[in-house]
Amino acid sequence: MRTGLTKKQKTTVIYFDEHSRIIEVQTHNTDLKKRLMAFAAKYPQCCRQTDDDEQGGLTFEIEKGRLSFRLTAPY
């Protein structure tokens, strides 16, 4: 999909704070969008799409505890 955005402008932003039970993910990353859409379809009580910016970016709300980060040690 051509969006007119440069690769530098195609960002992924993950926002959460200590108060809210919701994580907001805004992304242009195709693989992450597909994974989030599949997760939202399978578990609508835990994840839902909230916005489509019409430039290839999607925004999702996810219950805290459903998203994890994995750090890998260098070899």
PDB file of N, CA and C in Angstrom:
ATOM      1  N   MET A   1       0.840  -1.184   0.000  1.00  0.00           N
ATOM      2  CA  MET A   1       0.000   0.000   0.000  1.00  0.00           C
ATOM      3  C   MET A   1       0.882   1.242   0.000  1.00  0.00           C
ATOM      4  N   ARG A   2       0.700   2.085  -0.956  1.00  0.00           N
ATOM      5  CA  ARG A   2       1.432   3.348  -1.016  1.00  0.00           C
ATOM      6  C   ARG A   2       0.710   4.382  -0.153  1.00  0.00           C
ATOM      7  N   THR A   3       1.471   4.987   0.741  1.00  0.00           N
ATOM      8  CA  THR A   3       0.865   5.944   1.660  1.00  0.00           C
ATOM      9  C   THR A   3       1.380   7.360   1.468  1.00  0.00           C
ATOM     10  N   GLY A   4       2.487   7.509   0.765  1.00  0.00           N
ATOM     11  CA  GLY A   4       3.101   8.820   0.644  1.00  0.00           C
ATOM     12  C   GLY A   4       3.996   9.151   1.820  1.00  0.00           C
ATOM     13  N   LEU A   5       4.097   8.235   2.775  1.00  0.00           N
ATOM     14  CA  LEU A   5       4.949   8.441   3.941  1.00  0.00           C
ATOM     15  C   LEU A   5       6.311   7.803   3.700  1.00  0.00           C
ATOM     16  N   THR A   6       7.353   8.422   4.249  1.00  0.00           N
ATOM     17  CA  THR A   6       8.680   7.821   4.182  1.00  0.00           C
ATOM     18  C   THR A   6       8.787   6.742   5.252  1.00  0.00           C
ATOM     19  N   LYS A   7       9.806   5.899   5.132  1.00  0.00           N
ATOM     20  CA  LYS A   7       9.993   4.851   6.142  1.00  0.00           C
ATOM     21  C   LYS A   7      10.192   5.459   7.529  1.00  0.00           C
ATOM     22  N   LYS A   8      10.846   6.595   7.595  1.00  0.00           N
ATOM     23  CA  LYS A   8      11.062   7.252   8.888  1.00  0.00           C
ATOM     24  C   LYS A   8       9.746   7.726   9.505  1.00  0.00           C
ATOM     25  N   GLN A   9       8.774   8.060   8.664  1.00  0.00           N
ATOM     26  CA  GLN A   9       7.475   8.525   9.157  1.00  0.00           C
ATOM     27  C   GLN A   9       6.555   7.373   9.547  1.00  0.00           C
ATOM     28  N   LYS A  10       6.879   6.159   9.122  1.00  0.00           N
ATOM     29  CA  LYS A  10       6.056   4.987   9.441  1.00  0.00           C
ATOM     30  C   LYS A  10       6.500   4.447  10.800  1.00  0.00           C
ATOM     31  N   THR A  11       5.865   4.941  11.826  1.00  0.00           N
ATOM     32  CA  THR A  11       6.287   4.645  13.192  1.00  0.00           C
ATOM     33  C   THR A  11       5.355   3.652  13.877  1.00  0.00           C
ATOM     34  N   THR A  12       5.835   3.133  14.995  1.00  0.00           N
ATOM     35  CA  THR A  12       5.011   2.366  15.918  1.00  0.00           C
ATOM     36  C   THR A  12       5.144   3.032  17.278  1.00  0.00           C
ATOM     37  N   VAL A  13       4.017   3.377  17.876  1.00  0.00           N
ATOM     38  CA  VAL A  13       4.004   4.025  19.183  1.00  0.00           C
ATOM     39  C   VAL A  13       3.196   3.150  20.124  1.00  0.00           C
ATOM     40  N   ILE A  14       3.789   2.822  21.266  1.00  0.00           N
ATOM     41  CA  ILE A  14       3.102   2.040  22.296  1.00  0.00           C
ATOM     42  C   ILE A  14       2.997   2.937  23.516  1.00  0.00           C
ATOM     43  N   TYR A  15       1.765   3.213  23.946  1.00  0.00           N
ATOM     44  CA  TYR A  15       1.543   4.133  25.055  1.00  0.00           C
ATOM     45  C   TYR A  15       0.801   3.421  26.173  1.00  0.00           C
ATOM     46  N   PHE A  16       1.372   3.497  27.370  1.00  0.00           N
ATOM     47  CA  PHE A  16       0.653   3.034  28.553  1.00  0.00           C
ATOM     48  C   PHE A  16       1.187   3.778  29.759  1.00  0.00           C
ATOM     49  N   ASP A  17       0.376   3.826  30.792  1.00  0.00           N
ATOM     50  CA  ASP A  17       0.796   4.452  32.037  1.00  0.00           C
ATOM     51  C   ASP A  17       0.451   3.522  33.194  1.00  0.00           C
ATOM     52  N   GLU A  18       0.828   3.904  34.376  1.00  0.00           N
ATOM     53  CA  GLU A  18       0.610   3.053  35.551  1.00  0.00           C
ATOM     54  C   GLU A  18      -0.842   3.048  36.009  1.00  0.00           C
ATOM     55  N   HIS A  19      -1.621   4.043  35.613  1.00  0.00           N
ATOM     56  CA  HIS A  19      -3.001   4.158  36.076  1.00  0.00           C
ATOM     57  C   HIS A  19      -3.976   3.328  35.240  1.00  0.00           C
ATOM     58  N   SER A  20      -3.885   3.459  33.933  1.00  0.00           N
ATOM     59  CA  SER A  20      -4.855   2.835  33.032  1.00  0.00           C
ATOM     60  C   SER A  20      -4.625   1.334  32.889  1.00  0.00           C
ATOM     61  N   ARG A  21      -5.701   0.609  32.612  1.00  0.00           N
ATOM     62  CA  ARG A  21      -5.616  -0.827  32.347  1.00  0.00           C
ATOM     63  C   ARG A  21      -5.508  -1.107  30.851  1.00  0.00           C
ATOM     64  N   ILE A  22      -5.377  -0.049  30.057  1.00  0.00           N
ATOM     65  CA  ILE A  22      -5.363  -0.173  28.600  1.00  0.00           C
ATOM     66  C   ILE A  22      -4.019   0.288  28.036  1.00  0.00           C
ATOM     67  N   ILE A  23      -3.526  -0.443  27.052  1.00  0.00           N
ATOM     68  CA  ILE A  23      -2.346  -0.058  26.279  1.00  0.00           C
ATOM     69  C   ILE A  23      -2.845   0.381  24.909  1.00  0.00           C
ATOM     70  N   GLU A  24      -2.311   1.484  24.412  1.00  0.00           N
ATOM     71  CA  GLU A  24      -2.664   1.944  23.070  1.00  0.00           C
ATOM     72  C   GLU A  24      -1.468   1.717  22.149  1.00  0.00           C
ATOM     73  N   VAL A  25      -1.712   1.072  21.022  1.00  0.00           N
ATOM     74  CA  VAL A  25      -0.667   0.807  20.035  1.00  0.00           C
ATOM     75  C   VAL A  25      -1.089   1.436  18.718  1.00  0.00           C
ATOM     76  N   GLN A  26      -0.255   2.333  18.205  1.00  0.00           N
ATOM     77  CA  GLN A  26      -0.485   2.940  16.894  1.00  0.00           C
ATOM     78  C   GLN A  26       0.687   2.519  16.031  1.00  0.00           C
ATOM     79  N   THR A  27       0.405   1.877  14.877  1.00  0.00           N
ATOM     80  CA  THR A  27       1.493   1.349  14.062  1.00  0.00           C
ATOM     81  C   THR A  27       1.214   1.422  12.571  1.00  0.00           C
ATOM     82  N   HIS A  28       2.305   1.516  11.813  1.00  0.00           N
ATOM     83  CA  HIS A  28       2.284   1.390  10.358  1.00  0.00           C
ATOM     84  C   HIS A  28       2.911   0.059   9.946  1.00  0.00           C
ATOM     85  N   ASN A  29       3.466  -0.688  10.896  1.00  0.00           N
ATOM     86  CA  ASN A  29       4.156  -1.942  10.610  1.00  0.00           C
ATOM     87  C   ASN A  29       3.164  -3.004  10.157  1.00  0.00           C
ATOM     88  N   THR A  30       3.344  -3.492   8.934  1.00  0.00           N
ATOM     89  CA  THR A  30       2.388  -4.428   8.336  1.00  0.00           C
ATOM     90  C   THR A  30       2.246  -5.708   9.142  1.00  0.00           C
ATOM     91  N   ASP A  31       3.361  -6.311   9.561  1.00  0.00           N
ATOM     92  CA  ASP A  31       3.292  -7.554  10.327  1.00  0.00           C
ATOM     93  C   ASP A  31       2.574  -7.345  11.657  1.00  0.00           C
ATOM     94  N   LEU A  32       2.893  -6.267  12.349  1.00  0.00           N
ATOM     95  CA  LEU A  32       2.250  -5.994  13.635  1.00  0.00           C
ATOM     96  C   LEU A  32       0.761  -5.705  13.455  1.00  0.00           C
ATOM     97  N   LYS A  33       0.398  -4.983  12.407  1.00  0.00           N
ATOM     98  CA  LYS A  33      -1.027  -4.720  12.139  1.00  0.00           C
ATOM     99  C   LYS A  33      -1.778  -6.030  11.918  1.00  0.00           C
ATOM    100  N   LYS A  34      -1.194  -6.930  11.136  1.00  0.00           N
ATOM    101  CA  LYS A  34      -1.842  -8.223  10.880  1.00  0.00           C
ATOM    102  C   LYS A  34      -2.008  -9.018  12.167  1.00  0.00           C
ATOM    103  N   ARG A  35      -0.967  -9.032  12.992  1.00  0.00           N
ATOM    104  CA  ARG A  35      -1.037  -9.772  14.258  1.00  0.00           C
ATOM    105  C   ARG A  35      -2.084  -9.177  15.197  1.00  0.00           C
ATOM    106  N   LEU A  36      -2.133  -7.850  15.270  1.00  0.00           N
ATOM    107  CA  LEU A  36      -3.115  -7.200  16.137  1.00  0.00           C
ATOM    108  C   LEU A  36      -4.538  -7.389  15.620  1.00  0.00           C
ATOM    109  N   MET A  37      -4.729  -7.337  14.298  1.00  0.00           N
ATOM    110  CA  MET A  37      -6.070  -7.559  13.739  1.00  0.00           C
ATOM    111  C   MET A  37      -6.538  -8.988  14.014  1.00  0.00           C
ATOM    112  N   ALA A  38      -5.646  -9.958  13.874  1.00  0.00           N
ATOM    113  CA  ALA A  38      -6.003 -11.351  14.151  1.00  0.00           C
ATOM    114  C   ALA A  38      -6.323 -11.538  15.632  1.00  0.00           C
ATOM    115  N   PHE A  39      -5.525 -10.921  16.507  1.00  0.00           N
ATOM    116  CA  PHE A  39      -5.761 -11.026  17.945  1.00  0.00           C
ATOM    117  C   PHE A  39      -7.094 -10.378  18.312  1.00  0.00           C
ATOM    118  N   ALA A  40      -7.381  -9.212  17.725  1.00  0.00           N
ATOM    119  CA  ALA A  40      -8.642  -8.515  18.003  1.00  0.00           C
ATOM    120  C   ALA A  40      -9.838  -9.327  17.521  1.00  0.00           C
ATOM    121  N   ALA A  41      -9.696 -10.006  16.394  1.00  0.00           N
ATOM    122  CA  ALA A  41     -10.794 -10.836  15.883  1.00  0.00           C
ATOM    123  C   ALA A  41     -11.034 -12.042  16.785  1.00  0.00           C
ATOM    124  N   LYS A  42      -9.960 -12.608  17.309  1.00  0.00           N
ATOM    125  CA  LYS A  42     -10.075 -13.804  18.147  1.00  0.00           C
ATOM    126  C   LYS A  42     -10.469 -13.474  19.583  1.00  0.00           C
ATOM    127  N   TYR A  43      -9.988 -12.337  20.095  1.00  0.00           N
ATOM    128  CA  TYR A  43     -10.230 -11.953  21.492  1.00  0.00           C
ATOM    129  C   TYR A  43     -10.774 -10.518  21.571  1.00  0.00           C
ATOM    130  N   PRO A  44     -11.985 -10.276  21.078  1.00  0.00           N
ATOM    131  CA  PRO A  44     -12.516  -8.904  21.059  1.00  0.00           C
ATOM    132  C   PRO A  44     -12.715  -8.301  22.449  1.00  0.00           C
ATOM    133  N   GLN A  45     -12.802  -9.137  23.472  1.00  0.00           N
ATOM    134  CA  GLN A  45     -12.947  -8.616  24.832  1.00  0.00           C
ATOM    135  C   GLN A  45     -11.627  -8.048  25.363  1.00  0.00           C
ATOM    136  N   CYS A  46     -10.506  -8.381  24.707  1.00  0.00           N
ATOM    137  CA  CYS A  46      -9.185  -7.946  25.169  1.00  0.00           C
ATOM    138  C   CYS A  46      -8.518  -6.919  24.262  1.00  0.00           C
ATOM    139  N   CYS A  47      -8.960  -6.842  23.012  1.00  0.00           N
ATOM    140  CA  CYS A  47      -8.272  -6.003  22.034  1.00  0.00           C
ATOM    141  C   CYS A  47      -9.263  -5.523  20.984  1.00  0.00           C
ATOM    142  N   ARG A  48      -9.127  -4.251  20.593  1.00  0.00           N
ATOM    143  CA  ARG A  48      -9.994  -3.754  19.527  1.00  0.00           C
ATOM    144  C   ARG A  48      -9.283  -2.651  18.753  1.00  0.00           C
ATOM    145  N   GLN A  49      -9.597  -2.574  17.463  1.00  0.00           N
ATOM    146  CA  GLN A  49      -9.074  -1.497  16.633  1.00  0.00           C
ATOM    147  C   GLN A  49      -9.910  -0.257  16.902  1.00  0.00           C
ATOM    148  N   THR A  50      -9.238   0.871  17.134  1.00  0.00           N
ATOM    149  CA  THR A  50      -9.956   2.103  17.454  1.00  0.00           C
ATOM    150  C   THR A  50      -9.831   3.177  16.390  1.00  0.00           C
ATOM    151  N   ASP A  51      -8.847   3.042  15.477  1.00  0.00           N
ATOM    152  CA  ASP A  51      -8.673   4.092  14.475  1.00  0.00           C
ATOM    153  C   ASP A  51      -7.929   3.552  13.261  1.00  0.00           C
ATOM    154  N   ASP A  52      -8.203   4.161  12.119  1.00  0.00           N
ATOM    155  CA  ASP A  52      -7.491   3.922  10.866  1.00  0.00           C
ATOM    156  C   ASP A  52      -7.193   5.303  10.309  1.00  0.00           C
ATOM    157  N   ASP A  53      -5.917   5.672  10.223  1.00  0.00           N
ATOM    158  CA  ASP A  53      -5.578   7.041   9.824  1.00  0.00           C
ATOM    159  C   ASP A  53      -5.607   7.272   8.310  1.00  0.00           C
ATOM    160  N   GLU A  54      -6.024   6.267   7.547  1.00  0.00           N
ATOM    161  CA  GLU A  54      -6.142   6.366   6.088  1.00  0.00           C
ATOM    162  C   GLU A  54      -4.796   6.576   5.392  1.00  0.00           C
ATOM    163  N   GLN A  55      -3.691   6.442   6.132  1.00  0.00           N
ATOM    164  CA  GLN A  55      -2.351   6.520   5.547  1.00  0.00           C
ATOM    165  C   GLN A  55      -1.565   5.261   5.881  1.00  0.00           C
ATOM    166  N   GLY A  56      -2.274   4.192   6.169  1.00  0.00           N
ATOM    167  CA  GLY A  56      -1.624   2.923   6.472  1.00  0.00           C
ATOM    168  C   GLY A  56      -1.427   2.654   7.947  1.00  0.00           C
ATOM    169  N   GLY A  57      -1.790   3.586   8.801  1.00  0.00           N
ATOM    170  CA  GLY A  57      -1.624   3.403  10.243  1.00  0.00           C
ATOM    171  C   GLY A  57      -2.914   2.968  10.909  1.00  0.00           C
ATOM    172  N   LEU A  58      -2.797   2.026  11.832  1.00  0.00           N
ATOM    173  CA  LEU A  58      -3.941   1.567  12.615  1.00  0.00           C
ATOM    174  C   LEU A  58      -3.640   1.757  14.093  1.00  0.00           C
ATOM    175  N   THR A  59      -4.689   1.995  14.877  1.00  0.00           N
ATOM    176  CA  THR A  59      -4.557   2.143  16.322  1.00  0.00           C
ATOM    177  C   THR A  59      -5.419   1.095  16.997  1.00  0.00           C
ATOM    178  N   PHE A  60      -4.860   0.487  18.036  1.00  0.00           N
ATOM    179  CA  PHE A  60      -5.542  -0.555  18.793  1.00  0.00           C
ATOM    180  C   PHE A  60      -5.481  -0.236  20.273  1.00  0.00           C
ATOM    181  N   GLU A  61      -6.492  -0.701  21.012  1.00  0.00           N
ATOM    182  CA  GLU A  61      -6.475  -0.695  22.472  1.00  0.00           C
ATOM    183  C   GLU A  61      -6.407  -2.142  22.923  1.00  0.00           C
ATOM    184  N   ILE A  62      -5.490  -2.422  23.846  1.00  0.00           N
ATOM    185  CA  ILE A  62      -5.267  -3.779  24.330  1.00  0.00           C
ATOM    186  C   ILE A  62      -5.237  -3.745  25.850  1.00  0.00           C
ATOM    187  N   GLU A  63      -5.826  -4.760  26.467  1.00  0.00           N
ATOM    188  CA  GLU A  63      -5.748  -4.866  27.925  1.00  0.00           C
ATOM    189  C   GLU A  63      -4.293  -5.020  28.347  1.00  0.00           C
ATOM    190  N   LYS A  64      -3.925  -4.291  29.400  1.00  0.00           N
ATOM    191  CA  LYS A  64      -2.590  -4.426  29.950  1.00  0.00           C
ATOM    192  C   LYS A  64      -2.399  -5.874  30.393  1.00  0.00           C
ATOM    193  N   GLY A  65      -1.263  -6.429  30.160  1.00  0.00           N
ATOM    194  CA  GLY A  65      -1.000  -7.825  30.484  1.00  0.00           C
ATOM    195  C   GLY A  65      -1.113  -8.733  29.269  1.00  0.00           C
ATOM    196  N   ARG A  66      -1.672  -8.221  28.169  1.00  0.00           N
ATOM    197  CA  ARG A  66      -1.807  -9.008  26.930  1.00  0.00           C
ATOM    198  C   ARG A  66      -0.679  -8.727  25.951  1.00  0.00           C
ATOM    199  N   LEU A  67       0.114  -7.707  26.209  1.00  0.00           N
ATOM    200  CA  LEU A  67       1.230  -7.341  25.344  1.00  0.00           C
ATOM    201  C   LEU A  67       2.512  -7.492  26.147  1.00  0.00           C
ATOM    202  N   SER A  68       3.526  -8.091  25.538  1.00  0.00           N
ATOM    203  CA  SER A  68       4.797  -8.240  26.248  1.00  0.00           C
ATOM    204  C   SER A  68       5.950  -7.823  25.348  1.00  0.00           C
ATOM    205  N   PHE A  69       7.047  -7.479  25.979  1.00  0.00           N
ATOM    206  CA  PHE A  69       8.287  -7.143  25.289  1.00  0.00           C
ATOM    207  C   PHE A  69       9.291  -8.242  25.594  1.00  0.00           C
ATOM    208  N   ARG A  70      10.086  -8.590  24.624  1.00  0.00           N
ATOM    209  CA  ARG A  70      11.102  -9.613  24.851  1.00  0.00           C
ATOM    210  C   ARG A  70      12.461  -9.012  24.539  1.00  0.00           C
ATOM    211  N   LEU A  71      13.341  -9.033  25.520  1.00  0.00           N
ATOM    212  CA  LEU A  71      14.713  -8.587  25.319  1.00  0.00           C
ATOM    213  C   LEU A  71      15.569  -9.820  25.069  1.00  0.00           C
ATOM    214  N   THR A  72      16.439  -9.739  24.088  1.00  0.00           N
ATOM    215  CA  THR A  72      17.325 -10.861  23.809  1.00  0.00           C
ATOM    216  C   THR A  72      18.761 -10.427  24.037  1.00  0.00           C
ATOM    217  N   ALA A  73      19.506 -11.266  24.713  1.00  0.00           N
ATOM    218  CA  ALA A  73      20.905 -10.969  25.006  1.00  0.00           C
ATOM    219  C   ALA A  73      21.736 -11.065  23.726  1.00  0.00           C
ATOM    220  N   PRO A  74      22.801 -10.277  23.637  1.00  0.00           N
ATOM    221  CA  PRO A  74      23.672 -10.381  22.462  1.00  0.00           C
ATOM    222  C   PRO A  74      24.407 -11.720  22.463  1.00  0.00           C
ATOM    223  N   TYR A  75      24.788 -12.149  21.290  1.00  0.00           N
ATOM    224  CA  TYR A  75      25.509 -13.429  21.172  1.00  0.00           C
ATOM    225  C   TYR A  75      26.982 -13.237  21.400  1.00  0.00           C
TER     226      TYR A  75
END
